[in-house]
């Protein structure tokens, strides 16, 4: 996969459909609990730095 969509673009789309910071975190928690490797790969695909990925995944547990 190429990185065609940035983190900010993804967040903007989530906000446009009505997701709040709280619901976005619930989405991360669900993704992390059901598909931890896929969640990590998705965050990497977005081009998020490793330290931020680690933080997101820690907060998602």
N, C-alpha and C. Protein backbone atom coordinates (compact mmCIF):
# COMPACT_ATOMS: atom_id res chain seq x y z
N UNK A 1 0.84 -1.18 0.00
CA UNK A 1 0.00 0.00 0.00
C UNK A 1 0.88 1.24 0.00
N UNK A 2 0.50 2.21 -0.78
CA UNK A 2 1.21 3.47 -0.72
C UNK A 2 0.50 4.39 0.25
N UNK A 3 1.23 5.35 0.79
CA UNK A 3 0.66 6.27 1.77
C UNK A 3 0.03 7.45 1.06
N UNK A 4 -1.21 7.27 0.63
CA UNK A 4 -1.91 8.32 -0.11
C UNK A 4 -2.72 9.23 0.79
N UNK A 5 -3.03 8.77 1.98
CA UNK A 5 -3.89 9.53 2.89
C UNK A 5 -3.09 9.81 4.16
N UNK A 6 -3.04 11.08 4.54
CA UNK A 6 -2.30 11.43 5.75
C UNK A 6 -3.14 11.21 6.99
N UNK A 7 -2.50 11.21 8.12
CA UNK A 7 -3.21 11.09 9.40
C UNK A 7 -4.24 12.21 9.52
N UNK A 8 -3.85 13.43 9.20
CA UNK A 8 -4.78 14.56 9.33
C UNK A 8 -5.98 14.42 8.40
N UNK A 9 -5.76 13.93 7.20
CA UNK A 9 -6.88 13.71 6.28
C UNK A 9 -7.83 12.65 6.82
N UNK A 10 -7.27 11.59 7.42
CA UNK A 10 -8.09 10.53 7.99
C UNK A 10 -8.92 11.08 9.15
N UNK A 11 -8.27 11.85 10.04
CA UNK A 11 -8.98 12.45 11.18
C UNK A 11 -10.07 13.39 10.69
N UNK A 12 -9.76 14.18 9.67
CA UNK A 12 -10.78 15.09 9.11
C UNK A 12 -12.00 14.33 8.61
N UNK A 13 -11.77 13.19 7.95
CA UNK A 13 -12.90 12.39 7.47
C UNK A 13 -13.71 11.84 8.65
N UNK A 14 -13.03 11.38 9.68
CA UNK A 14 -13.73 10.91 10.87
C UNK A 14 -14.59 12.02 11.47
N UNK A 15 -14.03 13.22 11.57
CA UNK A 15 -14.79 14.35 12.13
C UNK A 15 -15.98 14.71 11.25
N UNK A 16 -15.81 14.65 9.95
CA UNK A 16 -16.91 14.97 9.03
C UNK A 16 -18.10 14.03 9.19
N UNK A 17 -17.85 12.80 9.60
CA UNK A 17 -18.97 11.87 9.81
C UNK A 17 -19.46 11.89 11.25
N UNK A 18 -18.92 12.81 12.05
CA UNK A 18 -19.44 13.02 13.38
C UNK A 18 -18.69 12.36 14.52
N UNK A 19 -17.54 11.76 14.24
CA UNK A 19 -16.78 11.15 15.33
C UNK A 19 -16.11 12.23 16.17
N UNK A 20 -16.14 12.04 17.47
CA UNK A 20 -15.47 12.93 18.41
C UNK A 20 -14.14 12.30 18.80
N UNK A 21 -13.35 13.02 19.58
CA UNK A 21 -12.10 12.44 20.08
C UNK A 21 -12.39 11.14 20.84
N UNK A 22 -13.47 11.15 21.61
CA UNK A 22 -13.84 9.97 22.39
C UNK A 22 -14.21 8.78 21.49
N UNK A 23 -15.00 9.02 20.46
CA UNK A 23 -15.38 7.91 19.59
C UNK A 23 -14.22 7.45 18.72
N UNK A 24 -13.32 8.36 18.37
CA UNK A 24 -12.13 7.94 17.63
C UNK A 24 -11.26 7.04 18.50
N UNK A 25 -11.17 7.35 19.80
CA UNK A 25 -10.39 6.50 20.70
C UNK A 25 -11.06 5.14 20.84
N UNK A 26 -12.39 5.11 20.90
CA UNK A 26 -13.10 3.83 20.95
C UNK A 26 -12.80 3.01 19.70
N UNK A 27 -12.73 3.69 18.54
CA UNK A 27 -12.40 3.00 17.29
C UNK A 27 -11.01 2.38 17.39
N UNK A 28 -10.04 3.14 17.88
CA UNK A 28 -8.68 2.62 18.06
C UNK A 28 -8.68 1.44 19.03
N UNK A 29 -9.43 1.54 20.12
CA UNK A 29 -9.48 0.46 21.10
C UNK A 29 -10.05 -0.82 20.48
N UNK A 30 -11.09 -0.68 19.71
CA UNK A 30 -11.69 -1.84 19.06
C UNK A 30 -10.73 -2.46 18.04
N UNK A 31 -10.10 -1.61 17.23
CA UNK A 31 -9.14 -2.07 16.23
C UNK A 31 -7.98 -2.80 16.93
N UNK A 32 -7.46 -2.19 18.00
CA UNK A 32 -6.32 -2.77 18.72
C UNK A 32 -6.71 -4.10 19.36
N UNK A 33 -7.90 -4.19 19.93
CA UNK A 33 -8.28 -5.43 20.61
C UNK A 33 -8.58 -6.57 19.63
N UNK A 34 -9.14 -6.25 18.48
CA UNK A 34 -9.51 -7.29 17.51
C UNK A 34 -8.39 -7.64 16.54
N UNK A 35 -7.62 -6.64 16.15
CA UNK A 35 -6.59 -6.84 15.12
C UNK A 35 -5.34 -6.02 15.45
N UNK A 36 -4.61 -6.38 16.50
CA UNK A 36 -3.46 -5.56 16.90
C UNK A 36 -2.41 -5.37 15.81
N UNK A 37 -2.11 -6.42 15.07
CA UNK A 37 -1.10 -6.29 14.00
C UNK A 37 -1.62 -5.40 12.87
N UNK A 38 -2.90 -5.55 12.54
CA UNK A 38 -3.50 -4.70 11.52
C UNK A 38 -3.56 -3.25 11.95
N UNK A 39 -3.84 -3.02 13.22
CA UNK A 39 -3.87 -1.65 13.74
C UNK A 39 -2.50 -1.01 13.60
N UNK A 40 -1.46 -1.75 14.01
CA UNK A 40 -0.10 -1.24 13.90
C UNK A 40 0.26 -0.96 12.44
N UNK A 41 -0.09 -1.88 11.55
CA UNK A 41 0.21 -1.70 10.13
C UNK A 41 -0.52 -0.49 9.56
N UNK A 42 -1.77 -0.29 9.97
CA UNK A 42 -2.54 0.85 9.50
C UNK A 42 -1.90 2.17 9.94
N UNK A 43 -1.50 2.24 11.21
CA UNK A 43 -0.87 3.45 11.72
C UNK A 43 0.45 3.72 10.99
N UNK A 44 1.20 2.67 10.70
CA UNK A 44 2.45 2.82 9.93
C UNK A 44 2.14 3.30 8.52
N UNK A 45 1.09 2.77 7.90
CA UNK A 45 0.70 3.16 6.55
C UNK A 45 0.38 4.64 6.49
N UNK A 46 -0.17 5.17 7.58
CA UNK A 46 -0.48 6.61 7.63
C UNK A 46 0.78 7.47 7.76
N UNK A 47 1.91 6.84 8.02
CA UNK A 47 3.17 7.58 8.15
C UNK A 47 3.37 8.17 9.53
N UNK A 48 2.70 7.63 10.52
CA UNK A 48 2.83 8.12 11.88
C UNK A 48 4.16 7.63 12.45
N UNK A 49 4.91 8.52 13.13
CA UNK A 49 6.19 8.12 13.71
C UNK A 49 6.03 7.01 14.75
N UNK A 50 7.06 6.19 14.89
CA UNK A 50 7.02 5.02 15.78
C UNK A 50 6.65 5.37 17.22
N UNK A 51 7.18 6.48 17.74
CA UNK A 51 6.87 6.85 19.12
C UNK A 51 5.40 7.21 19.29
N UNK A 52 4.81 7.85 18.29
CA UNK A 52 3.39 8.19 18.34
C UNK A 52 2.52 6.93 18.20
N UNK A 53 2.95 6.00 17.35
CA UNK A 53 2.24 4.73 17.22
C UNK A 53 2.23 4.00 18.55
N UNK A 54 3.37 3.95 19.22
CA UNK A 54 3.45 3.29 20.52
C UNK A 54 2.50 3.95 21.51
N UNK A 55 2.42 5.27 21.51
CA UNK A 55 1.53 6.00 22.40
C UNK A 55 0.06 5.67 22.10
N UNK A 56 -0.30 5.70 20.83
CA UNK A 56 -1.69 5.40 20.42
C UNK A 56 -2.06 3.99 20.85
N UNK A 57 -1.17 3.05 20.60
CA UNK A 57 -1.47 1.65 20.93
C UNK A 57 -1.55 1.45 22.44
N UNK A 58 -0.71 2.13 23.20
CA UNK A 58 -0.77 2.03 24.66
C UNK A 58 -2.08 2.58 25.17
N UNK A 59 -2.50 3.73 24.67
CA UNK A 59 -3.76 4.33 25.11
C UNK A 59 -4.97 3.53 24.62
N UNK A 60 -4.78 2.68 23.63
CA UNK A 60 -5.88 1.89 23.07
C UNK A 60 -6.11 0.59 23.82
N UNK A 61 -5.30 0.30 24.80
CA UNK A 61 -5.43 -0.98 25.53
C UNK A 61 -6.26 -0.80 26.77
